[in-house]
Amino acid sequence: MYVKIKEFTNLGNNYQLIYYIITFVFKFRDSMFNKKSLTGLLIALILCISAVLYYKFFIEKKDGFVLDNPTENSIKVILNKENYVLAPGQALDVPVLNGKNTISSVSG
């Protein structure tokens, strides 16, 4: 049993895209879901895409240095030609560049 959908006229591109997707799904739904291998492929693709999105949004951590000054004097740190001054007891997250990084410190 197929559902007839009215054709949208003079609507925006978003509605036309939705209309084409809905007509595609209803037109080919019987032939798609009768094939077990295609159904398995679609389920596997959905699971892989959802796993990648979950990793990107919830698990992935950015690379970086944590500069910490446990002493009672301030420290001047030079990381990749950028100067950072750390007060006593201060910790600072600094992003890391891909490739070679240089670090040096001067007590002050």
N, C-alpha and C. Protein backbone atom coordinates (compact mmCIF):
# COMPACT_ATOMS: atom_id res chain seq x y z
N MET A 1 0.84 -1.18 0.00
CA MET A 1 0.00 0.00 0.00
C MET A 1 0.88 1.24 0.00
N TYR A 2 0.69 2.06 -0.97
CA TYR A 2 1.47 3.29 -1.09
C TYR A 2 0.64 4.48 -0.64
N VAL A 3 1.31 5.43 0.00
CA VAL A 3 0.65 6.65 0.44
C VAL A 3 0.89 7.71 -0.62
N LYS A 4 -0.18 8.35 -1.04
CA LYS A 4 -0.04 9.41 -2.02
C LYS A 4 0.25 10.72 -1.30
N ILE A 5 1.23 11.42 -1.79
CA ILE A 5 1.64 12.68 -1.20
C ILE A 5 1.39 13.78 -2.22
N LYS A 6 0.74 14.86 -1.78
CA LYS A 6 0.50 15.98 -2.69
C LYS A 6 1.82 16.62 -3.08
N GLU A 7 1.88 17.06 -4.28
CA GLU A 7 3.09 17.72 -4.74
C GLU A 7 3.08 19.16 -4.23
N PHE A 8 4.19 19.54 -3.63
CA PHE A 8 4.30 20.90 -3.12
C PHE A 8 4.69 21.82 -4.28
N THR A 9 4.06 22.95 -4.33
CA THR A 9 4.41 23.93 -5.36
C THR A 9 4.71 25.26 -4.68
N ASN A 10 5.70 25.93 -5.21
CA ASN A 10 6.11 27.25 -4.74
C ASN A 10 6.47 27.26 -3.25
N LEU A 11 7.05 26.19 -2.77
CA LEU A 11 7.57 26.17 -1.41
C LEU A 11 9.07 26.26 -1.48
N GLY A 12 9.72 26.50 -0.36
CA GLY A 12 11.17 26.68 -0.33
C GLY A 12 11.92 25.40 -0.67
N ASN A 13 13.22 25.54 -0.85
CA ASN A 13 14.07 24.41 -1.19
C ASN A 13 14.06 23.34 -0.11
N ASN A 14 13.90 23.75 1.16
CA ASN A 14 13.88 22.76 2.25
C ASN A 14 12.68 21.85 2.12
N TYR A 15 11.52 22.41 1.78
CA TYR A 15 10.33 21.59 1.64
C TYR A 15 10.42 20.68 0.42
N GLN A 16 11.03 21.15 -0.63
CA GLN A 16 11.19 20.32 -1.82
C GLN A 16 12.14 19.16 -1.52
N LEU A 17 13.20 19.40 -0.77
CA LEU A 17 14.11 18.33 -0.40
C LEU A 17 13.41 17.30 0.46
N ILE A 18 12.62 17.75 1.42
CA ILE A 18 11.86 16.82 2.27
C ILE A 18 10.87 16.02 1.43
N TYR A 19 10.22 16.69 0.49
CA TYR A 19 9.27 16.02 -0.39
C TYR A 19 9.97 14.93 -1.20
N TYR A 20 11.13 15.21 -1.76
CA TYR A 20 11.85 14.21 -2.55
C TYR A 20 12.32 13.04 -1.69
N ILE A 21 12.74 13.31 -0.47
CA ILE A 21 13.17 12.23 0.42
C ILE A 21 11.99 11.33 0.79
N ILE A 22 10.85 11.94 1.10
CA ILE A 22 9.68 11.15 1.48
C ILE A 22 9.20 10.31 0.30
N THR A 23 9.15 10.89 -0.88
CA THR A 23 8.71 10.11 -2.04
C THR A 23 9.69 9.00 -2.36
N PHE A 24 10.98 9.24 -2.17
CA PHE A 24 11.97 8.18 -2.41
C PHE A 24 11.77 7.02 -1.44
N VAL A 25 11.56 7.35 -0.18
CA VAL A 25 11.38 6.30 0.83
C VAL A 25 10.11 5.50 0.55
N PHE A 26 9.01 6.17 0.25
CA PHE A 26 7.77 5.44 0.00
C PHE A 26 7.81 4.66 -1.30
N LYS A 27 8.52 5.16 -2.28
CA LYS A 27 8.58 4.48 -3.57
C LYS A 27 9.39 3.20 -3.50
N PHE A 28 10.49 3.22 -2.76
CA PHE A 28 11.39 2.09 -2.75
C PHE A 28 11.38 1.31 -1.43
N ARG A 29 10.45 1.59 -0.56
CA ARG A 29 10.49 0.94 0.76
C ARG A 29 10.31 -0.57 0.68
N ASP A 30 9.40 -1.03 -0.17
CA ASP A 30 9.18 -2.48 -0.26
C ASP A 30 10.40 -3.19 -0.83
N SER A 31 10.98 -2.62 -1.87
CA SER A 31 12.14 -3.28 -2.47
C SER A 31 13.36 -3.19 -1.57
N MET A 32 13.48 -2.13 -0.77
CA MET A 32 14.64 -1.98 0.11
C MET A 32 14.57 -2.94 1.29
N PHE A 33 13.43 -3.02 1.93
CA PHE A 33 13.35 -3.78 3.17
C PHE A 33 13.13 -5.26 2.94
N ASN A 34 12.91 -5.69 1.73
CA ASN A 34 12.84 -7.12 1.46
C ASN A 34 14.23 -7.70 1.26
N LYS A 35 15.22 -6.87 1.05
CA LYS A 35 16.59 -7.34 0.85
C LYS A 35 17.31 -7.28 2.20
N LYS A 36 17.64 -8.44 2.72
CA LYS A 36 18.27 -8.51 4.04
C LYS A 36 19.66 -7.88 4.05
N SER A 37 20.43 -8.05 2.98
CA SER A 37 21.78 -7.49 2.96
C SER A 37 21.76 -5.97 2.96
N LEU A 38 20.81 -5.37 2.24
CA LEU A 38 20.72 -3.91 2.21
C LEU A 38 20.27 -3.38 3.56
N THR A 39 19.36 -4.08 4.20
CA THR A 39 18.91 -3.67 5.53
C THR A 39 20.07 -3.73 6.52
N GLY A 40 20.85 -4.79 6.47
CA GLY A 40 22.01 -4.90 7.35
C GLY A 40 23.03 -3.81 7.10
N LEU A 41 23.25 -3.49 5.82
CA LEU A 41 24.18 -2.42 5.47
C LEU A 41 23.71 -1.09 6.03
N LEU A 42 22.42 -0.79 5.90
CA LEU A 42 21.89 0.48 6.42
C LEU A 42 22.02 0.54 7.94
N ILE A 43 21.74 -0.57 8.61
CA ILE A 43 21.88 -0.59 10.08
C ILE A 43 23.34 -0.38 10.47
N ALA A 44 24.26 -1.04 9.77
CA ALA A 44 25.69 -0.88 10.08
C ALA A 44 26.15 0.55 9.84
N LEU A 45 25.70 1.17 8.76
CA LEU A 45 26.08 2.56 8.49
C LEU A 45 25.55 3.50 9.56
N ILE A 46 24.32 3.30 9.98
CA ILE A 46 23.74 4.15 11.01
C ILE A 46 24.50 3.99 12.33
N LEU A 47 24.87 2.76 12.68
CA LEU A 47 25.63 2.53 13.90
C LEU A 47 27.03 3.16 13.84
N CYS A 48 27.69 3.04 12.68
CA CYS A 48 29.03 3.63 12.54
C CYS A 48 28.98 5.15 12.63
N ILE A 49 28.02 5.75 11.96
CA ILE A 49 27.90 7.21 11.99
C ILE A 49 27.56 7.70 13.40
N SER A 50 26.67 6.99 14.09
CA SER A 50 26.33 7.41 15.45
C SER A 50 27.52 7.22 16.40
N ALA A 51 28.33 6.18 16.20
CA ALA A 51 29.51 5.98 17.05
C ALA A 51 30.53 7.10 16.83
N VAL A 52 30.75 7.51 15.59
CA VAL A 52 31.69 8.59 15.30
C VAL A 52 31.19 9.91 15.90
N LEU A 53 29.90 10.20 15.76
CA LEU A 53 29.35 11.43 16.33
C LEU A 53 29.43 11.42 17.85
N TYR A 54 29.17 10.28 18.47
CA TYR A 54 29.28 10.18 19.93
C TYR A 54 30.72 10.45 20.37
N TYR A 55 31.68 9.88 19.65
CA TYR A 55 33.09 10.11 19.97
C TYR A 55 33.44 11.59 19.83
N LYS A 56 33.03 12.21 18.73
CA LYS A 56 33.38 13.61 18.48
C LYS A 56 32.80 14.54 19.54
N PHE A 57 31.57 14.29 19.97
CA PHE A 57 30.92 15.22 20.88
C PHE A 57 31.17 14.94 22.35
N PHE A 58 31.43 13.68 22.75
CA PHE A 58 31.50 13.35 24.16
C PHE A 58 32.85 12.83 24.64
N ILE A 59 33.64 12.20 23.78
CA ILE A 59 34.85 11.52 24.24
C ILE A 59 36.12 12.24 23.84
N GLU A 60 36.17 12.84 22.67
CA GLU A 60 37.41 13.42 22.14
C GLU A 60 37.92 14.55 23.03
N LYS A 61 39.19 14.52 23.31
CA LYS A 61 39.85 15.55 24.10
C LYS A 61 40.86 16.27 23.23
N LYS A 62 40.98 17.55 23.42
CA LYS A 62 41.95 18.35 22.67
C LYS A 62 43.34 18.16 23.27
N ASP A 63 44.36 18.14 22.42
CA ASP A 63 45.73 18.03 22.89
C ASP A 63 46.18 19.37 23.47
N GLY A 64 46.99 19.29 24.52
CA GLY A 64 47.49 20.52 25.11
C GLY A 64 48.45 20.24 26.25
N PHE A 65 49.21 21.27 26.61
CA PHE A 65 50.10 21.21 27.76
C PHE A 65 49.37 21.79 28.96
N VAL A 66 49.67 21.28 30.13
CA VAL A 66 49.22 21.90 31.38
C VAL A 66 50.47 22.46 32.04
N LEU A 67 50.57 23.76 32.08
CA LEU A 67 51.69 24.42 32.73
C LEU A 67 51.30 24.67 34.18
N ASP A 68 52.14 24.21 35.11
CA ASP A 68 51.84 24.32 36.53
C ASP A 68 53.02 24.96 37.25
N ASN A 69 52.73 25.83 38.18
CA ASN A 69 53.77 26.48 38.96
C ASN A 69 53.54 26.18 40.45
N PRO A 70 54.18 25.13 40.98
CA PRO A 70 53.99 24.81 42.40
C PRO A 70 54.89 25.62 43.34
N THR A 71 55.77 26.44 42.78
CA THR A 71 56.71 27.19 43.63
C THR A 71 56.06 28.45 44.18
N GLU A 72 56.84 29.21 44.96
CA GLU A 72 56.33 30.46 45.52
C GLU A 72 56.82 31.67 44.73
N ASN A 73 57.48 31.45 43.60
CA ASN A 73 57.94 32.53 42.72
C ASN A 73 57.18 32.44 41.40
N SER A 74 57.08 33.56 40.72
CA SER A 74 56.46 33.53 39.39
C SER A 74 57.46 32.97 38.38
N ILE A 75 56.93 32.32 37.36
CA ILE A 75 57.76 31.70 36.33
C ILE A 75 57.33 32.23 34.98
N LYS A 76 58.30 32.59 34.15
CA LYS A 76 58.04 33.01 32.77
C LYS A 76 58.32 31.81 31.87
N VAL A 77 57.30 31.37 31.12
CA VAL A 77 57.42 30.21 30.25
C VAL A 77 57.30 30.67 28.81
N ILE A 78 58.21 30.21 27.96
CA ILE A 78 58.16 30.51 26.53
C ILE A 78 57.83 29.21 25.81
N LEU A 79 56.64 29.16 25.20
CA LEU A 79 56.17 27.96 24.49
C LEU A 79 55.86 28.35 23.05
N ASN A 80 56.61 27.79 22.12
CA ASN A 80 56.43 28.10 20.69
C ASN A 80 56.46 29.60 20.42
N LYS A 81 57.43 30.29 21.01
CA LYS A 81 57.66 31.72 20.85
C LYS A 81 56.52 32.59 21.40
N GLU A 82 55.73 32.05 22.32
CA GLU A 82 54.70 32.82 23.01
C GLU A 82 55.04 32.84 24.49
N ASN A 83 54.94 34.00 25.11
CA ASN A 83 55.31 34.16 26.52
C ASN A 83 54.09 33.98 27.42
N TYR A 84 54.29 33.22 28.49
CA TYR A 84 53.27 33.02 29.51
C TYR A 84 53.93 33.29 30.86
N VAL A 85 53.24 34.02 31.73
CA VAL A 85 53.75 34.27 33.08
C VAL A 85 52.80 33.55 34.04
N LEU A 86 53.37 32.63 34.83
CA LEU A 86 52.58 31.85 35.78
C LEU A 86 52.84 32.36 37.19
N ALA A 87 51.78 32.74 37.86
CA ALA A 87 51.88 33.18 39.25
C ALA A 87 52.08 31.97 40.15
N PRO A 88 52.49 32.18 41.40
CA PRO A 88 52.67 31.05 42.32
C PRO A 88 51.37 30.26 42.49
N GLY A 89 51.45 28.93 42.30
CA GLY A 89 50.29 28.06 42.47
C GLY A 89 49.31 28.05 41.30
N GLN A 90 49.66 28.69 40.20
CA GLN A 90 48.75 28.78 39.05
C GLN A 90 48.99 27.62 38.09
N ALA A 91 47.92 27.15 37.45
CA ALA A 91 48.00 26.14 36.40
C ALA A 91 47.32 26.72 35.16
N LEU A 92 47.84 26.40 33.97
CA LEU A 92 47.34 26.98 32.73
C LEU A 92 47.31 25.91 31.64
N ASP A 93 46.21 25.79 30.92
CA ASP A 93 46.10 24.89 29.78
C ASP A 93 46.52 25.65 28.52
N VAL A 94 47.46 25.08 27.78
CA VAL A 94 47.98 25.71 26.57
C VAL A 94 47.81 24.73 25.41
N PRO A 95 47.26 25.18 24.27
CA PRO A 95 47.09 24.27 23.13
C PRO A 95 48.43 23.86 22.52
N VAL A 96 48.47 22.65 21.96
CA VAL A 96 49.67 22.11 21.34
C VAL A 96 49.51 22.14 19.83
N LEU A 97 50.55 22.57 19.15
CA LEU A 97 50.55 22.54 17.69
C LEU A 97 50.94 21.15 17.20
N ASN A 98 50.50 20.80 16.00
CA ASN A 98 50.96 19.55 15.40
C ASN A 98 52.42 19.69 15.01
N GLY A 99 53.21 18.66 15.26
CA GLY A 99 54.61 18.71 14.90
C GLY A 99 55.49 19.03 16.09
N LYS A 100 56.60 19.72 15.81
CA LYS A 100 57.61 19.99 16.84
C LYS A 100 57.20 21.22 17.65
N ASN A 101 57.32 21.10 18.99
CA ASN A 101 57.04 22.20 19.91
C ASN A 101 58.28 22.47 20.75
N THR A 102 58.47 23.74 21.10
CA THR A 102 59.61 24.11 21.94
C THR A 102 59.10 24.78 23.22
N ILE A 103 59.76 24.50 24.34
CA ILE A 103 59.39 25.10 25.61
C ILE A 103 60.65 25.44 26.39
N SER A 104 60.61 26.58 27.08
CA SER A 104 61.71 26.97 27.97
C SER A 104 61.11 27.83 29.07
N SER A 105 61.81 27.92 30.20
CA SER A 105 61.27 28.71 31.32
C SER A 105 62.39 29.53 31.95
N VAL A 106 61.97 30.65 32.55
CA VAL A 106 62.88 31.53 33.26
C VAL A 106 62.22 31.84 34.61
N SER A 107 62.93 31.59 35.68
CA SER A 107 62.40 31.86 36.99
C SER A 107 62.56 33.35 37.29
N GLY A 108 61.54 33.98 37.88
CA GLY A 108 61.66 35.41 38.09
C GLY A 108 61.00 35.94 39.26
